Amino acid sequence: RQHRSGMVALADLLKQEHLIERIEKVEKNAIPVFVCGESGQSKKGEDFALVKIDCERIPGDGSSTFGVFAIFDGHNGSAAAVHAKEHLLKDVMSALPSRLDRDEWLSILPEAMIKGFLKTDRDFQQKGTTVSLVIVDRWTVTVASVGDSRCVLDTEAGVMPMTVDHRLDDNEAERQRIVDCGGEVGRLSTALGVEYGPLRCWPGGLCLSRSIGDADVGEYIVAVPFVKQVKLPKTGGRIIIASDGVWDALSTEKAAKCCRGLPPNLAAKHIVKEALGVAGLRDDTTCLVVDVIPPYK
């Protein structure tokens, strides 16, 4: 009897393990759902957002879909931001060989994003824009950014910055890069020599060290993006992308925490509302909130 009871227990255990194996396989191959919300208040009309949730790595293959989300914050006009919104994704995709499997595609995506940024910059050097470009392929999030339109990832593990600000006031490494290349970093000054305002790169006087465009401000402003790639947990996560109108008012932790529990559309509105409540409408203030959700959740 004990032997038979043991056999039954073993059979049940094997069934259980097989079920767990099947669940893990389903989870591994599951295609997440993207739910996106957008909100903004315009002051200068230089902020633009891009949302594409149905791109295909292999044309016609629905299992190869990925999502693209981006914020472009133009300066000295909107021309560079408009151009980047219309051409950057195409320039990134053209740098990727065709017919790659997913792992190969993801492994060379960071390099392709760098090449895409440089091509977009070469093709349009009037005015300037920040960019935070996010590509989500199943559970892998890849972000490329220039300027100060920050991207934040909020998961069960906590809040993770996905970008580095290229503001000269905040980035010592960028200040050193410019000086090492022969440029100068300093503030504006009055006739009496009193300095004021943010740190700027000279010649040109731009407060950012990296952007797309800005050919008129000299060779020290580059379009090489900071790139970061991470794997999401099985529970998914929330991506927050916003222009500096948000980040001048809210910390990354505050932005993430203030909208937890809200659906993406309300979350984006709440972040913008919080930012405006702190700083008022001093600049264009735009926010995208993207939830990457397991299909069975």
C-alpha atoms as a PDB file:
ATOM      1  CA  ARG A   1       0.000   0.000   0.000  1.00  0.00           C
ATOM      2  CA  GLN A   2       2.785   2.348   0.873  1.00  0.00           C
ATOM      3  CA  HIS A   3       4.446   1.563  -2.435  1.00  0.00           C
ATOM      4  CA  ARG A   4       1.239   2.247  -4.365  1.00  0.00           C
ATOM      5  CA  SER A   5       0.655   5.459  -2.436  1.00  0.00           C
ATOM      6  CA  GLY A   6       4.187   6.517  -3.296  1.00  0.00           C
ATOM      7  CA  MET A   7       3.572   5.762  -6.976  1.00  0.00           C
ATOM      8  CA  VAL A   8       0.434   7.906  -6.968  1.00  0.00           C
ATOM      9  CA  ALA A   9       2.298  10.717  -5.287  1.00  0.00           C
ATOM     10  CA  LEU A  10       5.089  10.407  -7.830  1.00  0.00           C
ATOM     11  CA  ALA A  11       2.623  10.463 -10.731  1.00  0.00           C
ATOM     12  CA  ASP A  12       0.955  13.553  -9.295  1.00  0.00           C
ATOM     13  CA  LEU A  13       4.346  15.167  -8.851  1.00  0.00           C
ATOM     14  CA  LEU A  14       5.308  14.446 -12.460  1.00  0.00           C
ATOM     15  CA  LYS A  15       2.021  15.925 -13.675  1.00  0.00           C
ATOM     16  CA  GLN A  16       2.623  18.984 -11.529  1.00  0.00           C
ATOM     17  CA  GLU A  17       6.151  19.398 -12.851  1.00  0.00           C
ATOM     18  CA  HIS A  18       4.904  18.986 -16.424  1.00  0.00           C
ATOM     19  CA  LEU A  19       2.256  21.650 -15.776  1.00  0.00           C
ATOM     20  CA  ILE A  20       4.880  24.014 -14.333  1.00  0.00           C
ATOM     21  CA  GLU A  21       7.064  23.330 -17.365  1.00  0.00           C
ATOM     22  CA  ARG A  22       4.183  24.188 -19.703  1.00  0.00           C
ATOM     23  CA  ILE A  23       3.377  27.373 -17.769  1.00  0.00           C
ATOM     24  CA  GLU A  24       7.022  28.462 -17.865  1.00  0.00           C
ATOM     25  CA  LYS A  25       7.122  27.787 -21.607  1.00  0.00           C
ATOM     26  CA  VAL A  26       3.959  29.851 -22.134  1.00  0.00           C
ATOM     27  CA  GLU A  27       5.400  32.677 -20.026  1.00  0.00           C
ATOM     28  CA  LYS A  28       8.694  32.591 -21.893  1.00  0.00           C
ATOM     29  CA  ASN A  29       7.000  32.782 -25.291  1.00  0.00           C
ATOM     30  CA  ALA A  30       4.238  35.162 -24.221  1.00  0.00           C
ATOM     31  CA  ILE A  31       3.986  38.412 -26.131  1.00  0.00           C
ATOM     32  CA  PRO A  32       3.318  41.267 -23.714  1.00  0.00           C
ATOM     33  CA  VAL A  33       0.563  43.800 -24.200  1.00  0.00           C
ATOM     34  CA  PHE A  34       1.437  47.500 -24.510  1.00  0.00           C
ATOM     35  CA  VAL A  35      -0.929  50.032 -22.963  1.00  0.00           C
ATOM     36  CA  CYS A  36       0.109  53.643 -23.515  1.00  0.00           C
ATOM     37  CA  GLY A  37      -1.074  56.984 -22.211  1.00  0.00           C
ATOM     38  CA  GLU A  38       0.020  60.454 -23.315  1.00  0.00           C
ATOM     39  CA  SER A  39      -0.472  63.899 -21.845  1.00  0.00           C
ATOM     40  CA  GLY A  40       1.050  67.324 -22.286  1.00  0.00           C
ATOM     41  CA  GLN A  41       0.756  71.081 -22.002  1.00  0.00           C
ATOM     42  CA  SER A  42       2.352  73.261 -24.672  1.00  0.00           C
ATOM     43  CA  LYS A  43       4.224  76.507 -24.055  1.00  0.00           C
ATOM     44  CA  LYS A  44       6.404  76.781 -27.184  1.00  0.00           C
ATOM     45  CA  GLY A  45       5.064  73.967 -29.384  1.00  0.00           C
ATOM     46  CA  GLU A  46       8.445  72.213 -29.571  1.00  0.00           C
ATOM     47  CA  ASP A  47       7.595  68.870 -27.886  1.00  0.00           C
ATOM     48  CA  PHE A  48       6.565  65.839 -29.953  1.00  0.00           C
ATOM     49  CA  ALA A  49       5.751  62.238 -29.046  1.00  0.00           C
ATOM     50  CA  LEU A  50       5.919  59.049 -31.110  1.00  0.00           C
ATOM     51  CA  VAL A  51       3.918  55.895 -30.336  1.00  0.00           C
ATOM     52  CA  LYS A  52       3.934  52.775 -32.532  1.00  0.00           C
ATOM     53  CA  ILE A  53       2.778  49.570 -30.864  1.00  0.00           C
ATOM     54  CA  ASP A  54       2.554  47.301 -33.912  1.00  0.00           C
ATOM     55  CA  CYS A  55       5.954  47.462 -35.630  1.00  0.00           C
ATOM     56  CA  GLU A  56       7.193  44.174 -37.111  1.00  0.00           C
ATOM     57  CA  ARG A  57      10.766  42.969 -37.064  1.00  0.00           C
ATOM     58  CA  ILE A  58       9.885  40.652 -39.957  1.00  0.00           C
ATOM     59  CA  PRO A  59       7.233  42.236 -42.234  1.00  0.00           C
ATOM     60  CA  GLY A  60       4.054  40.168 -42.225  1.00  0.00           C
ATOM     61  CA  ASP A  61       5.064  38.103 -39.186  1.00  0.00           C
ATOM     62  CA  GLY A  62       2.744  39.029 -36.334  1.00  0.00           C
ATOM     63  CA  SER A  63       4.901  37.171 -33.817  1.00  0.00           C
ATOM     64  CA  SER A  64       7.793  39.580 -34.480  1.00  0.00           C
ATOM     65  CA  THR A  65       6.011  42.704 -33.266  1.00  0.00           C
ATOM     66  CA  PHE A  66       7.676  45.330 -31.106  1.00  0.00           C
ATOM     67  CA  GLY A  67       6.712  48.724 -29.731  1.00  0.00           C
ATOM     68  CA  VAL A  68       8.352  52.119 -30.222  1.00  0.00           C
ATOM     69  CA  PHE A  69       7.868  55.104 -27.928  1.00  0.00           C
ATOM     70  CA  ALA A  70       9.738  58.412 -28.011  1.00  0.00           C
ATOM     71  CA  ILE A  71       9.813  62.012 -26.847  1.00  0.00           C
ATOM     72  CA  PHE A  72      11.446  64.791 -28.893  1.00  0.00           C
ATOM     73  CA  ASP A  73      11.976  68.194 -27.246  1.00  0.00           C
ATOM     74  CA  GLY A  74      13.109  70.766 -29.803  1.00  0.00           C
ATOM     75  CA  HIS A  75      14.992  73.974 -29.089  1.00  0.00           C
ATOM     76  CA  ASN A  76      15.335  77.131 -31.180  1.00  0.00           C
ATOM     77  CA  GLY A  77      12.247  75.958 -33.030  1.00  0.00           C
ATOM     78  CA  SER A  78      10.505  72.656 -33.744  1.00  0.00           C
ATOM     79  CA  ALA A  79      12.146  71.719 -37.070  1.00  0.00           C
ATOM     80  CA  ALA A  80      14.715  69.236 -35.721  1.00  0.00           C
ATOM     81  CA  ALA A  81      12.157  67.570 -33.458  1.00  0.00           C
ATOM     82  CA  VAL A  82       9.731  67.136 -36.359  1.00  0.00           C
ATOM     83  CA  HIS A  83      12.472  65.727 -38.599  1.00  0.00           C
ATOM     84  CA  ALA A  84      13.661  63.291 -35.931  1.00  0.00           C
ATOM     85  CA  LYS A  85      10.116  62.100 -35.254  1.00  0.00           C
ATOM     86  CA  GLU A  86       9.607  61.421 -38.963  1.00  0.00           C
ATOM     87  CA  HIS A  87      12.979  59.833 -39.772  1.00  0.00           C
ATOM     88  CA  LEU A  88      14.825  58.477 -36.718  1.00  0.00           C
ATOM     89  CA  LEU A  89      13.031  55.131 -36.451  1.00  0.00           C
ATOM     90  CA  LYS A  90      13.496  54.486 -40.172  1.00  0.00           C
ATOM     91  CA  ASP A  91      17.201  55.346 -39.863  1.00  0.00           C
ATOM     92  CA  VAL A  92      17.599  52.924 -36.946  1.00  0.00           C
ATOM     93  CA  MET A  93      15.780  50.128 -38.772  1.00  0.00           C
ATOM     94  CA  SER A  94      17.867  50.645 -41.918  1.00  0.00           C
ATOM     95  CA  ALA A  95      20.987  49.965 -39.837  1.00  0.00           C
ATOM     96  CA  LEU A  96      19.696  46.480 -38.933  1.00  0.00           C
ATOM     97  CA  PRO A  97      20.275  43.520 -41.283  1.00  0.00           C
ATOM     98  CA  SER A  98      17.107  41.745 -42.386  1.00  0.00           C
ATOM     99  CA  ARG A  99      15.942  38.244 -41.409  1.00  0.00           C
ATOM    100  CA  LEU A 100      17.679  38.115 -38.040  1.00  0.00           C
ATOM    101  CA  ASP A 101      16.196  36.040 -35.245  1.00  0.00           C
ATOM    102  CA  ARG A 102      15.098  37.888 -32.119  1.00  0.00           C
ATOM    103  CA  ASP A 103      18.249  37.312 -30.075  1.00  0.00           C
ATOM    104  CA  GLU A 104      20.508  38.440 -32.926  1.00  0.00           C
ATOM    105  CA  TRP A 105      18.305  41.469 -33.559  1.00  0.00           C
ATOM    106  CA  LEU A 106      18.359  42.518 -29.930  1.00  0.00           C
ATOM    107  CA  SER A 107      22.114  42.030 -29.626  1.00  0.00           C
ATOM    108  CA  ILE A 108      22.886  44.517 -32.409  1.00  0.00           C
ATOM    109  CA  LEU A 109      19.985  46.902 -31.741  1.00  0.00           C
ATOM    110  CA  PRO A 110      22.059  49.213 -29.472  1.00  0.00           C
ATOM    111  CA  GLU A 111      24.662  49.692 -32.217  1.00  0.00           C
ATOM    112  CA  ALA A 112      21.923  50.256 -34.805  1.00  0.00           C
ATOM    113  CA  MET A 113      20.356  52.918 -32.601  1.00  0.00           C
ATOM    114  CA  ILE A 114      23.667  54.769 -32.421  1.00  0.00           C
ATOM    115  CA  LYS A 115      24.014  54.589 -36.215  1.00  0.00           C
ATOM    116  CA  GLY A 116      20.421  55.768 -36.650  1.00  0.00           C
ATOM    117  CA  PHE A 117      20.941  58.789 -34.401  1.00  0.00           C
ATOM    118  CA  LEU A 118      24.087  59.767 -36.292  1.00  0.00           C
ATOM    119  CA  LYS A 119      22.357  59.461 -39.683  1.00  0.00           C
ATOM    120  CA  THR A 120      19.362  61.527 -38.579  1.00  0.00           C
ATOM    121  CA  ASP A 121      21.764  64.147 -37.250  1.00  0.00           C
ATOM    122  CA  ARG A 122      23.788  64.235 -40.483  1.00  0.00           C
ATOM    123  CA  ASP A 123      20.660  64.612 -42.595  1.00  0.00           C
ATOM    124  CA  PHE A 124      19.250  67.527 -40.613  1.00  0.00           C
ATOM    125  CA  GLN A 125      21.543  69.864 -38.719  1.00  0.00           C
ATOM    126  CA  GLN A 126      19.320  72.924 -38.402  1.00  0.00           C
ATOM    127  CA  LYS A 127      17.956  73.833 -34.977  1.00  0.00           C
ATOM    128  CA  GLY A 128      18.174  71.001 -32.443  1.00  0.00           C
ATOM    129  CA  THR A 129      16.275  68.458 -30.383  1.00  0.00           C
ATOM    130  CA  THR A 130      16.599  66.078 -27.481  1.00  0.00           C
ATOM    131  CA  VAL A 131      15.496  62.485 -28.068  1.00  0.00           C
ATOM    132  CA  SER A 132      14.585  59.582 -25.843  1.00  0.00           C
ATOM    133  CA  LEU A 133      13.785  56.597 -28.075  1.00  0.00           C
ATOM    134  CA  VAL A 134      12.460  53.405 -26.473  1.00  0.00           C
ATOM    135  CA  ILE A 135      12.101  50.089 -28.296  1.00  0.00           C
ATOM    136  CA  VAL A 136      10.325  47.249 -26.479  1.00  0.00           C
ATOM    137  CA  ASP A 137      10.641  43.779 -28.020  1.00  0.00           C
ATOM    138  CA  ARG A 138       8.731  41.333 -25.848  1.00  0.00           C
ATOM    139  CA  TRP A 139      10.459  41.611 -22.454  1.00  0.00           C
ATOM    140  CA  THR A 140      13.548  43.533 -23.572  1.00  0.00           C
ATOM    141  CA  VAL A 141      13.618  47.326 -23.289  1.00  0.00           C
ATOM    142  CA  THR A 142      16.281  49.270 -25.211  1.00  0.00           C
ATOM    143  CA  VAL A 143      16.609  53.026 -24.771  1.00  0.00           C
ATOM    144  CA  ALA A 144      18.791  55.517 -26.664  1.00  0.00           C
ATOM    145  CA  SER A 145      18.864  59.160 -25.633  1.00  0.00           C
ATOM    146  CA  VAL A 146      20.504  62.527 -26.183  1.00  0.00           C
ATOM    147  CA  GLY A 147      19.691  65.624 -24.170  1.00  0.00           C
ATOM    148  CA  ASP A 148      17.531  65.747 -21.058  1.00  0.00           C
ATOM    149  CA  SER A 149      14.233  64.055 -21.957  1.00  0.00           C
ATOM    150  CA  ARG A 150      14.488  61.410 -19.289  1.00  0.00           C
ATOM    151  CA  CYS A 151      13.188  57.818 -19.345  1.00  0.00           C
ATOM    152  CA  VAL A 152      12.442  55.821 -16.186  1.00  0.00           C
ATOM    153  CA  LEU A 153      11.541  52.153 -15.720  1.00  0.00           C
ATOM    154  CA  ASP A 154       9.359  51.167 -12.761  1.00  0.00           C
ATOM    155  CA  THR A 155       9.129  47.441 -11.942  1.00  0.00           C
ATOM    156  CA  GLU A 156       8.619  45.251  -8.892  1.00  0.00           C
ATOM    157  CA  ALA A 157      12.381  45.662  -8.291  1.00  0.00           C
ATOM    158  CA  GLY A 158      12.076  49.454  -8.008  1.00  0.00           C
ATOM    159  CA  VAL A 159      12.685  52.568 -10.091  1.00  0.00           C
ATOM    160  CA  MET A 160      15.540  52.439 -12.616  1.00  0.00           C
ATOM    161  CA  PRO A 161      16.835  55.395 -14.674  1.00  0.00           C
ATOM    162  CA  MET A 162      17.151  54.390 -18.330  1.00  0.00           C
ATOM    163  CA  THR A 163      18.830  57.599 -19.525  1.00  0.00           C
ATOM    164  CA  VAL A 164      21.621  59.964 -18.519  1.00  0.00           C
ATOM    165  CA  ASP A 165      20.995  63.708 -18.600  1.00  0.00           C
ATOM    166  CA  HIS A 166      23.305  65.534 -21.014  1.00  0.00           C
ATOM    167  CA  ARG A 167      22.930  68.856 -19.239  1.00  0.00           C
ATOM    168  CA  LEU A 168      26.306  70.428 -18.590  1.00  0.00           C
ATOM    169  CA  ASP A 169      25.184  71.529 -15.121  1.00  0.00           C
ATOM    170  CA  ASP A 170      24.532  67.910 -14.143  1.00  0.00           C
ATOM    171  CA  ASN A 171      27.078  65.846 -16.081  1.00  0.00           C
ATOM    172  CA  GLU A 172      30.720  66.193 -15.058  1.00  0.00           C
ATOM    173  CA  ALA A 173      31.894  63.572 -17.569  1.00  0.00           C
ATOM    174  CA  GLU A 174      30.395  65.571 -20.437  1.00  0.00           C
ATOM    175  CA  ARG A 175      31.959  68.796 -19.197  1.00  0.00           C
ATOM    176  CA  GLN A 176      35.331  67.059 -19.157  1.00  0.00           C
ATOM    177  CA  ARG A 177      34.782  65.576 -22.637  1.00  0.00           C
ATOM    178  CA  ILE A 178      34.160  69.019 -24.109  1.00  0.00           C
ATOM    179  CA  VAL A 179      37.183  70.560 -22.392  1.00  0.00           C
ATOM    180  CA  ASP A 180      39.398  67.646 -23.463  1.00  0.00           C
ATOM    181  CA  CYS A 181      38.256  68.176 -27.073  1.00  0.00           C
ATOM    182  CA  GLY A 182      39.190  71.855 -26.973  1.00  0.00           C
ATOM    183  CA  GLY A 183      35.840  73.433 -26.156  1.00  0.00           C
ATOM    184  CA  GLU A 184      34.966  75.685 -23.265  1.00  0.00           C
ATOM    185  CA  VAL A 185      32.323  75.326 -20.571  1.00  0.00           C
ATOM    186  CA  GLY A 186      31.081  78.389 -18.711  1.00  0.00           C
ATOM    187  CA  ARG A 187      28.150  80.583 -17.801  1.00  0.00           C
ATOM    188  CA  LEU A 188      26.982  83.848 -19.268  1.00  0.00           C
ATOM    189  CA  SER A 189      28.368  86.896 -17.504  1.00  0.00           C
ATOM    190  CA  THR A 190      27.420  90.526 -17.100  1.00  0.00           C
ATOM    191  CA  ALA A 191      29.585  93.452 -18.181  1.00  0.00           C
ATOM    192  CA  LEU A 192      30.962  93.441 -14.637  1.00  0.00           C
ATOM    193  CA  GLY A 193      31.957  89.793 -14.930  1.00  0.00           C
ATOM    194  CA  VAL A 194      29.191  88.383 -12.726  1.00  0.00           C
ATOM    195  CA  GLU A 195      28.244  84.889 -13.928  1.00  0.00           C
ATOM    196  CA  TYR A 196      24.616  83.787 -14.185  1.00  0.00           C
ATOM    197  CA  GLY A 197      22.448  81.062 -15.706  1.00  0.00           C
ATOM    198  CA  PRO A 198      23.279  77.427 -16.517  1.00  0.00           C
ATOM    199  CA  LEU A 199      26.610  76.115 -17.741  1.00  0.00           C
ATOM    200  CA  ARG A 200      26.954  76.286 -21.518  1.00  0.00           C
ATOM    201  CA  CYS A 201      29.252  74.921 -24.194  1.00  0.00           C
ATOM    202  CA  TRP A 202      31.244  77.521 -26.114  1.00  0.00           C
ATOM    203  CA  PRO A 203      31.250  78.372 -28.922  1.00  0.00           C
ATOM    204  CA  GLY A 204      27.504  78.266 -29.373  1.00  0.00           C
ATOM    205  CA  GLY A 205      26.203  78.594 -25.839  1.00  0.00           C
ATOM    206  CA  LEU A 206      24.079  75.420 -25.713  1.00  0.00           C
ATOM    207  CA  CYS A 207      23.249  74.028 -22.255  1.00  0.00           C
ATOM    208  CA  LEU A 208      23.201  70.448 -23.575  1.00  0.00           C
ATOM    209  CA  SER A 209      26.245  68.433 -24.621  1.00  0.00           C
ATOM    210  CA  ARG A 210      24.390  65.959 -26.870  1.00  0.00           C
ATOM    211  CA  SER A 211      21.494  66.470 -29.256  1.00  0.00           C
ATOM    212  CA  ILE A 212      20.331  65.897 -32.816  1.00  0.00           C
ATOM    213  CA  GLY A 213      20.950  68.933 -35.030  1.00  0.00           C
ATOM    214  CA  ASP A 214      22.669  72.034 -33.620  1.00  0.00           C
ATOM    215  CA  ALA A 215      25.351  72.234 -36.320  1.00  0.00           C
ATOM    216  CA  ASP A 216      25.544  75.966 -35.681  1.00  0.00           C
ATOM    217  CA  VAL A 217      26.802  75.539 -32.114  1.00  0.00           C
ATOM    218  CA  GLY A 218      30.025  73.737 -32.963  1.00  0.00           C
ATOM    219  CA  GLU A 219      31.634  70.333 -33.132  1.00  0.00           C
ATOM    220  CA  TYR A 220      31.528  69.597 -29.404  1.00  0.00           C
ATOM    221  CA  ILE A 221      27.788  68.925 -29.373  1.00  0.00           C
ATOM    222  CA  VAL A 222      27.457  65.315 -30.545  1.00  0.00           C
ATOM    223  CA  ALA A 223      24.557  63.046 -31.493  1.00  0.00           C
ATOM    224  CA  VAL A 224      26.005  59.814 -30.067  1.00  0.00           C
ATOM    225  CA  PRO A 225      23.283  58.573 -27.703  1.00  0.00           C
ATOM    226  CA  PHE A 226      23.540  56.960 -24.306  1.00  0.00           C
ATOM    227  CA  VAL A 227      22.124  53.439 -24.786  1.00  0.00           C
ATOM    228  CA  LYS A 228      20.812  51.049 -22.157  1.00  0.00           C
ATOM    229  CA  GLN A 229      19.173  47.640 -22.586  1.00  0.00           C
ATOM    230  CA  VAL A 230      17.433  45.712 -19.810  1.00  0.00           C
ATOM    231  CA  LYS A 231      15.236  42.643 -19.452  1.00  0.00           C
ATOM    232  CA  LEU A 232      11.880  43.107 -17.766  1.00  0.00           C
ATOM    233  CA  PRO A 233      10.704  40.696 -15.068  1.00  0.00           C
ATOM    234  CA  LYS A 234       7.862  38.312 -15.928  1.00  0.00           C
ATOM    235  CA  THR A 235       5.450  40.663 -14.187  1.00  0.00           C
ATOM    236  CA  GLY A 236       6.233  43.418 -16.697  1.00  0.00           C
ATOM    237  CA  GLY A 237       6.808  47.061 -15.840  1.00  0.00           C
ATOM    238  CA  ARG A 238       5.973  50.696 -16.449  1.00  0.00           C
ATOM    239  CA  ILE A 239       8.014  53.036 -18.658  1.00  0.00           C
ATOM    240  CA  ILE A 240       7.794  56.798 -18.135  1.00  0.00           C
ATOM    241  CA  ILE A 241       9.265  59.103 -20.800  1.00  0.00           C
ATOM    242  CA  ALA A 242       8.966  62.858 -20.450  1.00  0.00           C
ATOM    243  CA  SER A 243      10.442  66.158 -21.544  1.00  0.00           C
ATOM    244  CA  ASP A 244      12.297  68.395 -19.108  1.00  0.00           C
ATOM    245  CA  GLY A 245       9.104  70.270 -18.306  1.00  0.00           C
ATOM    246  CA  VAL A 246       8.336  67.267 -16.090  1.00  0.00           C
ATOM    247  CA  TRP A 247      11.847  66.561 -14.791  1.00  0.00           C
ATOM    248  CA  ASP A 248      12.555  70.173 -13.830  1.00  0.00           C
ATOM    249  CA  ALA A 249       9.694  69.802 -11.356  1.00  0.00           C
ATOM    250  CA  LEU A 250       9.669  66.122 -10.322  1.00  0.00           C
ATOM    251  CA  SER A 251      12.350  63.618  -9.383  1.00  0.00           C
ATOM    252  CA  THR A 252      12.291  60.220 -11.079  1.00  0.00           C
ATOM    253  CA  GLU A 253      11.115  58.608  -7.822  1.00  0.00           C
ATOM    254  CA  LYS A 254       8.338  61.168  -7.378  1.00  0.00           C
ATOM    255  CA  ALA A 255       7.102  60.761 -10.954  1.00  0.00           C
ATOM    256  CA  ALA A 256       7.014  56.974 -10.649  1.00  0.00           C
ATOM    257  CA  LYS A 257       5.396  56.860  -7.221  1.00  0.00           C
ATOM    258  CA  CYS A 258       2.765  59.549  -7.781  1.00  0.00           C
ATOM    259  CA  CYS A 259       1.015  57.553 -10.515  1.00  0.00           C
ATOM    260  CA  ARG A 260       1.242  53.973  -9.260  1.00  0.00           C
ATOM    261  CA  GLY A 261      -2.102  52.226  -9.413  1.00  0.00           C
ATOM    262  CA  LEU A 262      -3.399  54.480 -12.180  1.00  0.00           C
ATOM    263  CA  PRO A 263      -3.912  53.291 -15.781  1.00  0.00           C
ATOM    264  CA  PRO A 264      -1.404  54.801 -18.251  1.00  0.00           C
ATOM    265  CA  ASN A 265      -3.697  57.525 -19.622  1.00  0.00           C
ATOM    266  CA  LEU A 266      -4.521  58.819 -16.146  1.00  0.00           C
ATOM    267  CA  ALA A 267      -0.932  58.281 -14.987  1.00  0.00           C
ATOM    268  CA  ALA A 268       0.446  60.521 -17.748  1.00  0.00           C
ATOM    269  CA  LYS A 269      -2.125  63.216 -16.950  1.00  0.00           C
ATOM    270  CA  HIS A 270      -1.342  62.998 -13.246  1.00  0.00           C
ATOM    271  CA  ILE A 271       2.416  63.347 -13.782  1.00  0.00           C
ATOM    272  CA  VAL A 272       1.899  66.445 -15.943  1.00  0.00           C
ATOM    273  CA  LYS A 273      -0.544  67.873 -13.394  1.00  0.00           C
ATOM    274  CA  GLU A 274       1.949  67.281 -10.566  1.00  0.00           C
ATOM    275  CA  ALA A 275       4.765  68.921 -12.544  1.00  0.00           C
ATOM    276  CA  LEU A 276       2.660  71.963 -13.392  1.00  0.00           C
ATOM    277  CA  GLY A 277       1.579  72.219  -9.770  1.00  0.00           C
ATOM    278  CA  VAL A 278       5.210  72.457  -8.687  1.00  0.00           C
ATOM    279  CA  ALA A 279       6.722  74.665 -11.395  1.00  0.00           C
ATOM    280  CA  GLY A 280       3.880  76.051 -13.488  1.00  0.00           C
ATOM    281  CA  LEU A 281       3.926  76.031 -17.296  1.00  0.00           C
ATOM    282  CA  ARG A 282       7.438  77.377 -17.895  1.00  0.00           C
ATOM    283  CA  ASP A 283       8.208  75.017 -20.774  1.00  0.00           C
ATOM    284  CA  ASP A 284       6.515  72.416 -22.957  1.00  0.00           C
ATOM    285  CA  THR A 285       5.589  69.564 -20.623  1.00  0.00           C
ATOM    286  CA  THR A 286       4.978  66.183 -22.260  1.00  0.00           C
ATOM    287  CA  CYS A 287       4.735  62.688 -20.788  1.00  0.00           C
ATOM    288  CA  LEU A 288       4.280  59.153 -22.121  1.00  0.00           C
ATOM    289  CA  VAL A 289       3.446  56.275 -19.782  1.00  0.00           C
ATOM    290  CA  VAL A 290       3.732  52.759 -21.204  1.00  0.00           C
ATOM    291  CA  ASP A 291       2.702  49.641 -19.304  1.00  0.00           C
ATOM    292  CA  VAL A 292       4.233  46.388 -20.540  1.00  0.00           C
ATOM    293  CA  ILE A 293       1.800  43.760 -19.273  1.00  0.00           C
ATOM    294  CA  PRO A 294       1.818  39.942 -19.420  1.00  0.00           C
ATOM    295  CA  PRO A 295      -1.059  38.794 -21.663  1.00  0.00           C
ATOM    296  CA  TYR A 296      -2.440  36.517 -18.961  1.00  0.00           C
ATOM    297  CA  LYS A 297      -2.424  39.209 -16.231  1.00  0.00           C
END
